[in-house]
C-alpha atoms as a PDB file:
ATOM      1  CA  MET A   1      -3.045 -58.871 -24.367  1.00  0.00           C
ATOM      2  CA  SER A   2      -5.589 -56.533 -25.907  1.00  0.00           C
ATOM      3  CA  SER A   3      -8.052 -57.184 -23.030  1.00  0.00           C
ATOM      4  CA  PHE A   4      -5.357 -56.609 -20.412  1.00  0.00           C
ATOM      5  CA  SER A   5      -4.458 -53.136 -21.999  1.00  0.00           C
ATOM      6  CA  ARG A   6      -7.994 -52.188 -21.890  1.00  0.00           C
ATOM      7  CA  ARG A   7      -8.422 -53.287 -18.391  1.00  0.00           C
ATOM      8  CA  GLY A   8      -5.115 -51.577 -17.434  1.00  0.00           C
ATOM      9  CA  PHE A   9      -6.231 -48.376 -19.016  1.00  0.00           C
ATOM     10  CA  THR A  10      -9.699 -48.500 -17.282  1.00  0.00           C
ATOM     11  CA  LEU A  11      -8.084 -49.200 -13.845  1.00  0.00           C
ATOM     12  CA  GLY A  12      -5.640 -46.429 -14.393  1.00  0.00           C
ATOM     13  CA  LEU A  13      -8.696 -44.040 -15.256  1.00  0.00           C
ATOM     14  CA  MET A  14     -10.489 -45.062 -12.120  1.00  0.00           C
ATOM     15  CA  ALA A  15      -7.199 -44.709  -9.968  1.00  0.00           C
ATOM     16  CA  ALA A  16      -6.765 -41.142 -11.405  1.00  0.00           C
ATOM     17  CA  GLY A  17     -10.342 -40.189 -10.822  1.00  0.00           C
ATOM     18  CA  THR A  18     -10.155 -41.463  -7.114  1.00  0.00           C
ATOM     19  CA  LEU A  19      -6.895 -39.508  -6.474  1.00  0.00           C
ATOM     20  CA  ALA A  20      -8.462 -36.449  -7.958  1.00  0.00           C
ATOM     21  CA  ALA A  21     -11.684 -37.008  -5.658  1.00  0.00           C
ATOM     22  CA  CYS A  22      -9.344 -37.442  -2.601  1.00  0.00           C
ATOM     23  CA  ASN A  23      -7.515 -34.065  -3.484  1.00  0.00           C
ATOM     24  CA  ASN A  24     -10.589 -31.886  -4.010  1.00  0.00           C
ATOM     25  CA  GLY A  25     -11.539 -31.978  -0.277  1.00  0.00           C
ATOM     26  CA  VAL A  26     -15.275 -32.459  -0.799  1.00  0.00           C
ATOM     27  CA  GLY A  27     -16.710 -33.698   2.699  1.00  0.00           C
ATOM     28  CA  SER A  28     -13.279 -33.362   4.382  1.00  0.00           C
ATOM     29  CA  GLY A  29     -13.763 -30.116   6.269  1.00  0.00           C
ATOM     30  CA  GLY A  30     -11.809 -28.413   3.504  1.00  0.00           C
ATOM     31  CA  GLY A  31     -13.893 -25.327   3.903  1.00  0.00           C
ATOM     32  CA  ALA A  32     -13.251 -25.178   7.710  1.00  0.00           C
ATOM     33  CA  VAL A  33      -9.441 -25.517   7.147  1.00  0.00           C
ATOM     34  CA  ILE A  34      -9.423 -22.497   4.493  1.00  0.00           C
ATOM     35  CA  ASP A  35     -11.557 -20.579   6.981  1.00  0.00           C
ATOM     36  CA  ALA A  36      -9.110 -21.105   9.697  1.00  0.00           C
ATOM     37  CA  ARG A  37      -6.175 -19.978   7.489  1.00  0.00           C
ATOM     38  CA  VAL A  38      -8.197 -17.009   6.264  1.00  0.00           C
ATOM     39  CA  ASP A  39      -8.800 -15.878   9.771  1.00  0.00           C
ATOM     40  CA  ALA A  40      -5.117 -16.283  10.724  1.00  0.00           C
ATOM     41  CA  THR A  41      -4.156 -14.417   7.618  1.00  0.00           C
ATOM     42  CA  LEU A  42      -6.346 -11.456   8.241  1.00  0.00           C
ATOM     43  CA  ASN A  43      -5.011 -11.198  11.905  1.00  0.00           C
ATOM     44  CA  GLN A  44      -1.481 -11.201  10.741  1.00  0.00           C
ATOM     45  CA  MET A  45      -2.297  -8.594   8.101  1.00  0.00           C
ATOM     46  CA  TYR A  46      -4.212  -6.378  10.677  1.00  0.00           C
ATOM     47  CA  ASN A  47      -1.429  -6.749  13.099  1.00  0.00           C
ATOM     48  CA  GLU A  48       1.561  -5.946  10.622  1.00  0.00           C
ATOM     49  CA  TYR A  49      -0.544  -3.375   8.791  1.00  0.00           C
ATOM     50  CA  PRO A  50      -3.113  -1.677  11.025  1.00  0.00           C
ATOM     51  CA  GLY A  51      -4.259   0.638   8.195  1.00  0.00           C
ATOM     52  CA  THR A  52      -5.862  -2.210   6.398  1.00  0.00           C
ATOM     53  CA  ARG A  53      -8.575  -2.429   9.044  1.00  0.00           C
ATOM     54  CA  ASP A  54      -9.834   0.732   7.466  1.00  0.00           C
ATOM     55  CA  LEU A  55      -9.661  -0.772   3.922  1.00  0.00           C
ATOM     56  CA  ALA A  56     -11.520  -3.734   5.181  1.00  0.00           C
ATOM     57  CA  SER A  57     -14.403  -1.686   6.741  1.00  0.00           C
ATOM     58  CA  ARG A  58     -14.709   0.251   3.578  1.00  0.00           C
ATOM     59  CA  ALA A  59     -14.597  -2.712   1.163  1.00  0.00           C
ATOM     60  CA  SER A  60     -17.574  -4.391  -0.346  1.00  0.00           C
ATOM     61  CA  GLY A  61     -15.732  -7.647  -0.034  1.00  0.00           C
ATOM     62  CA  MET A  62     -12.221  -9.370   0.420  1.00  0.00           C
ATOM     63  CA  LEU A  63     -10.726 -12.197  -1.370  1.00  0.00           C
ATOM     64  CA  VAL A  64      -8.133 -13.540   1.164  1.00  0.00           C
ATOM     65  CA  MET A  65      -5.411 -15.995  -0.096  1.00  0.00           C
ATOM     66  CA  PRO A  66      -3.508 -17.297   2.933  1.00  0.00           C
ATOM     67  CA  LEU A  67      -0.810 -18.987   0.953  1.00  0.00           C
ATOM     68  CA  ILE A  68       0.396 -18.711  -2.697  1.00  0.00           C
ATOM     69  CA  THR A  69       3.227 -20.912  -3.770  1.00  0.00           C
ATOM     70  CA  ASN A  70       5.015 -19.476  -6.796  1.00  0.00           C
ATOM     71  CA  ALA A  71       7.914 -21.294  -8.420  1.00  0.00           C
ATOM     72  CA  GLY A  72       9.647 -20.950 -11.652  1.00  0.00           C
ATOM     73  CA  PHE A  73      12.911 -22.286 -13.667  1.00  0.00           C
ATOM     74  CA  GLY A  74      12.211 -20.942 -17.163  1.00  0.00           C
ATOM     75  CA  LEU A  75       8.536 -21.789 -16.927  1.00  0.00           C
ATOM     76  CA  GLY A  76       6.862 -20.820 -13.856  1.00  0.00           C
ATOM     77  CA  GLY A  77       3.603 -21.056 -11.960  1.00  0.00           C
ATOM     78  CA  SER A  78       1.559 -20.335  -8.895  1.00  0.00           C
ATOM     79  CA  PHE A  79      -1.254 -21.932  -6.825  1.00  0.00           C
ATOM     80  CA  GLY A  80      -3.231 -21.068  -3.778  1.00  0.00           C
ATOM     81  CA  ARG A  81      -6.542 -21.423  -2.413  1.00  0.00           C
ATOM     82  CA  GLY A  82      -8.660 -18.948  -0.360  1.00  0.00           C
ATOM     83  CA  ALA A  83     -12.056 -17.424   0.493  1.00  0.00           C
ATOM     84  CA  LEU A  84     -14.202 -14.575  -0.422  1.00  0.00           C
ATOM     85  CA  ARG A  85     -15.589 -12.736   2.548  1.00  0.00           C
ATOM     86  CA  VAL A  86     -18.437 -10.178   2.403  1.00  0.00           C
ATOM     87  CA  GLY A  87     -18.489  -8.770   5.846  1.00  0.00           C
ATOM     88  CA  PRO A  88     -17.568 -11.346   8.433  1.00  0.00           C
ATOM     89  CA  SER A  89     -19.021 -14.214   6.354  1.00  0.00           C
ATOM     90  CA  THR A  90     -17.366 -16.541   3.818  1.00  0.00           C
ATOM     91  CA  VAL A  91     -19.557 -16.597   0.605  1.00  0.00           C
ATOM     92  CA  ASP A  92     -17.297 -18.621  -1.695  1.00  0.00           C
ATOM     93  CA  TYR A  93     -14.004 -20.410  -1.926  1.00  0.00           C
ATOM     94  CA  TYR A  94     -11.614 -19.822  -4.798  1.00  0.00           C
ATOM     95  CA  SER A  95      -8.388 -21.066  -6.193  1.00  0.00           C
ATOM     96  CA  ALA A  96      -5.871 -18.923  -7.939  1.00  0.00           C
ATOM     97  CA  THR A  97      -3.449 -20.155 -10.669  1.00  0.00           C
ATOM     98  CA  SER A  98      -1.064 -18.350 -13.054  1.00  0.00           C
ATOM     99  CA  GLY A  99       1.518 -19.487 -15.458  1.00  0.00           C
ATOM    100  CA  SER A 100       4.681 -17.577 -16.676  1.00  0.00           C
ATOM    101  CA  ALA A 101       7.553 -18.067 -19.251  1.00  0.00           C
ATOM    102  CA  GLY A 102      10.805 -16.226 -19.342  1.00  0.00           C
ATOM    103  CA  LEU A 103      13.985 -15.570 -17.575  1.00  0.00           C
ATOM    104  CA  GLN A 104      13.051 -16.602 -14.015  1.00  0.00           C
ATOM    105  CA  ILE A 105      14.462 -18.898 -11.412  1.00  0.00           C
ATOM    106  CA  GLY A 106      13.502 -19.409  -7.735  1.00  0.00           C
ATOM    107  CA  ALA A 107      10.591 -20.017  -5.539  1.00  0.00           C
ATOM    108  CA  GLN A 108       8.390 -18.114  -3.108  1.00  0.00           C
ATOM    109  CA  GLN A 109       5.312 -18.128  -0.789  1.00  0.00           C
ATOM    110  CA  PHE A 110       3.254 -15.180   0.234  1.00  0.00           C
ATOM    111  CA  SER A 111      -0.230 -14.137   1.298  1.00  0.00           C
ATOM    112  CA  TYR A 112      -2.554 -11.583  -0.079  1.00  0.00           C
ATOM    113  CA  VAL A 113      -5.930  -9.852   0.228  1.00  0.00           C
ATOM    114  CA  LEU A 114      -7.810  -8.353  -2.643  1.00  0.00           C
ATOM    115  CA  PHE A 115     -10.222  -5.429  -1.477  1.00  0.00           C
ATOM    116  CA  PHE A 116     -13.038  -5.032  -3.773  1.00  0.00           C
ATOM    117  CA  MET A 117     -13.841  -1.387  -2.967  1.00  0.00           C
ATOM    118  CA  THR A 118     -17.001  -1.116  -5.041  1.00  0.00           C
ATOM    119  CA  PRO A 119     -20.094  -3.280  -5.183  1.00  0.00           C
ATOM    120  CA  ASP A 120     -19.634  -3.338  -9.084  1.00  0.00           C
ATOM    121  CA  ALA A 121     -15.990  -4.738  -8.756  1.00  0.00           C
ATOM    122  CA  LEU A 122     -17.228  -7.313  -6.411  1.00  0.00           C
ATOM    123  CA  LEU A 123     -20.180  -8.335  -8.582  1.00  0.00           C
ATOM    124  CA  GLU A 124     -17.918  -8.450 -11.732  1.00  0.00           C
ATOM    125  CA  PHE A 125     -15.641 -10.855  -9.728  1.00  0.00           C
ATOM    126  CA  ARG A 126     -18.499 -13.044  -8.479  1.00  0.00           C
ATOM    127  CA  GLN A 127     -20.241 -13.315 -11.734  1.00  0.00           C
ATOM    128  CA  SER A 128     -17.138 -14.267 -13.771  1.00  0.00           C
ATOM    129  CA  PRO A 129     -16.635 -17.828 -14.586  1.00  0.00           C
ATOM    130  CA  GLY A 130     -12.773 -17.333 -14.101  1.00  0.00           C
ATOM    131  CA  TRP A 131     -11.738 -13.829 -13.118  1.00  0.00           C
ATOM    132  CA  ALA A 132      -8.334 -12.677 -14.290  1.00  0.00           C
ATOM    133  CA  ALA A 133      -6.147 -10.106 -12.446  1.00  0.00           C
ATOM    134  CA  SER A 134      -5.020  -7.456 -14.688  1.00  0.00           C
ATOM    135  CA  ALA A 135      -2.825  -4.561 -14.461  1.00  0.00           C
ATOM    136  CA  ASN A 136      -5.648  -2.250 -13.065  1.00  0.00           C
ATOM    137  CA  ILE A 137      -5.243  -3.637  -9.672  1.00  0.00           C
ATOM    138  CA  GLU A 138      -3.547  -1.117  -7.273  1.00  0.00           C
ATOM    139  CA  TYR A 139      -1.009  -2.446  -4.941  1.00  0.00           C
ATOM    140  CA  ALA A 140      -0.793  -1.168  -1.390  1.00  0.00           C
ATOM    141  CA  VAL A 141       2.795  -1.097  -0.301  1.00  0.00           C
ATOM    142  CA  SER A 142       4.469   0.160   2.716  1.00  0.00           C
ATOM    143  CA  ASN A 143       8.027   0.803   4.030  1.00  0.00           C
ATOM    144  CA  GLN A 144       6.700   0.930   7.638  1.00  0.00           C
ATOM    145  CA  SER A 145       4.500  -1.826   9.047  1.00  0.00           C
ATOM    146  CA  ASP A 146       2.236   0.505  10.917  1.00  0.00           C
ATOM    147  CA  MET A 147       0.765   2.445   7.770  1.00  0.00           C
ATOM    148  CA  LEU A 148       0.055   2.112   4.197  1.00  0.00           C
ATOM    149  CA  ARG A 149       0.732   4.920   1.757  1.00  0.00           C
ATOM    150  CA  ALA A 150      -1.988   7.589   2.122  1.00  0.00           C
ATOM    151  CA  GLU A 151      -2.672   7.644  -1.687  1.00  0.00           C
ATOM    152  CA  THR A 152      -3.444   3.919  -1.502  1.00  0.00           C
ATOM    153  CA  THR A 153      -5.894   4.005   1.198  1.00  0.00           C
ATOM    154  CA  THR A 154      -7.722   6.935  -0.215  1.00  0.00           C
ATOM    155  CA  SER A 155      -7.468   5.599  -3.875  1.00  0.00           C
ATOM    156  CA  LEU A 156     -10.634   5.392  -5.954  1.00  0.00           C
ATOM    157  CA  SER A 157      -9.285   2.106  -7.403  1.00  0.00           C
ATOM    158  CA  PRO A 158     -12.053  -0.573  -7.651  1.00  0.00           C
ATOM    159  CA  VAL A 159      -9.603  -3.377  -6.438  1.00  0.00           C
ATOM    160  CA  ILE A 160      -6.577  -2.912  -4.073  1.00  0.00           C
ATOM    161  CA  ALA A 161      -4.186  -5.720  -3.299  1.00  0.00           C
ATOM    162  CA  VAL A 162      -2.157  -5.989  -0.223  1.00  0.00           C
ATOM    163  CA  VAL A 163       0.719  -8.484  -0.556  1.00  0.00           C
ATOM    164  CA  PHE A 164       2.720  -9.676   2.617  1.00  0.00           C
ATOM    165  CA  GLY A 165       4.451 -12.455   4.181  1.00  0.00           C
ATOM    166  CA  GLN A 166       6.851 -13.050   1.456  1.00  0.00           C
ATOM    167  CA  THR A 167       9.467 -15.758   1.944  1.00  0.00           C
ATOM    168  CA  GLY A 168      11.694 -17.481  -0.576  1.00  0.00           C
ATOM    169  CA  LEU A 169      14.205 -16.744  -3.125  1.00  0.00           C
ATOM    170  CA  ARG A 170      12.337 -15.115  -5.891  1.00  0.00           C
ATOM    171  CA  LEU A 171      11.966 -11.207  -6.022  1.00  0.00           C
ATOM    172  CA  GLY A 172       8.657  -9.474  -6.400  1.00  0.00           C
ATOM    173  CA  ALA A 173       5.116 -10.904  -6.100  1.00  0.00           C
ATOM    174  CA  THR A 174       2.777  -9.982  -8.660  1.00  0.00           C
ATOM    175  CA  LEU A 175      -0.835 -11.091  -9.119  1.00  0.00           C
ATOM    176  CA  GLU A 176      -1.227  -9.969 -12.773  1.00  0.00           C
ATOM    177  CA  GLY A 177      -2.260 -12.783 -14.885  1.00  0.00           C
ATOM    178  CA  SER A 178      -3.703 -14.746 -12.110  1.00  0.00           C
ATOM    179  CA  LYS A 179      -6.917 -16.542 -12.759  1.00  0.00           C
ATOM    180  CA  TYR A 180      -9.497 -16.990  -9.928  1.00  0.00           C
ATOM    181  CA  THR A 181     -11.949 -19.787 -10.181  1.00  0.00           C
ATOM    182  CA  ARG A 182     -14.706 -20.710  -7.697  1.00  0.00           C
ATOM    183  CA  ILE A 183     -14.207 -24.115  -6.000  1.00  0.00           C
ATOM    184  CA  ILE A 184     -16.172 -26.440  -3.705  1.00  0.00           C
ATOM    185  CA  PRO A 185     -13.833 -27.295  -0.994  1.00  0.00           C
END
């Protein structure tokens, strides 16, 4: 019986490792899938918010997160994968995760782009083993789809977030507390 338990445990570990390996996307074209989603997300943002083209042209880099899924019932969390673009090229892939506790219920999905407006902000992000979004991110919001607030686009903030495409039954999308980790798709 003892032998069977060890064998079952070993087989269980092997199965878990195999499933984890299947999910990480290595060799599966995961990078190409993320890049296609990033391109579609940027096209949607540029069409809905034309002022973001100017932000993009002035940014040192952009982290594009095509789809973040956020759900909570007392305890909550969110997850998504995206790409860091410097100019037209993808230089790294990232996952974004967050957790929360408190009075909350519901689920939502949304897209966002972090614009790193200074080379120092981009360098800090890239050199960090797990960069965490904090309260110093400035959010670009607009009541009209054709323009962002002027103070946002002329801001001296090192990181500007544009959140859009929200769907679901949970109010508000915040990036504060999100942790970004470099991944290999």
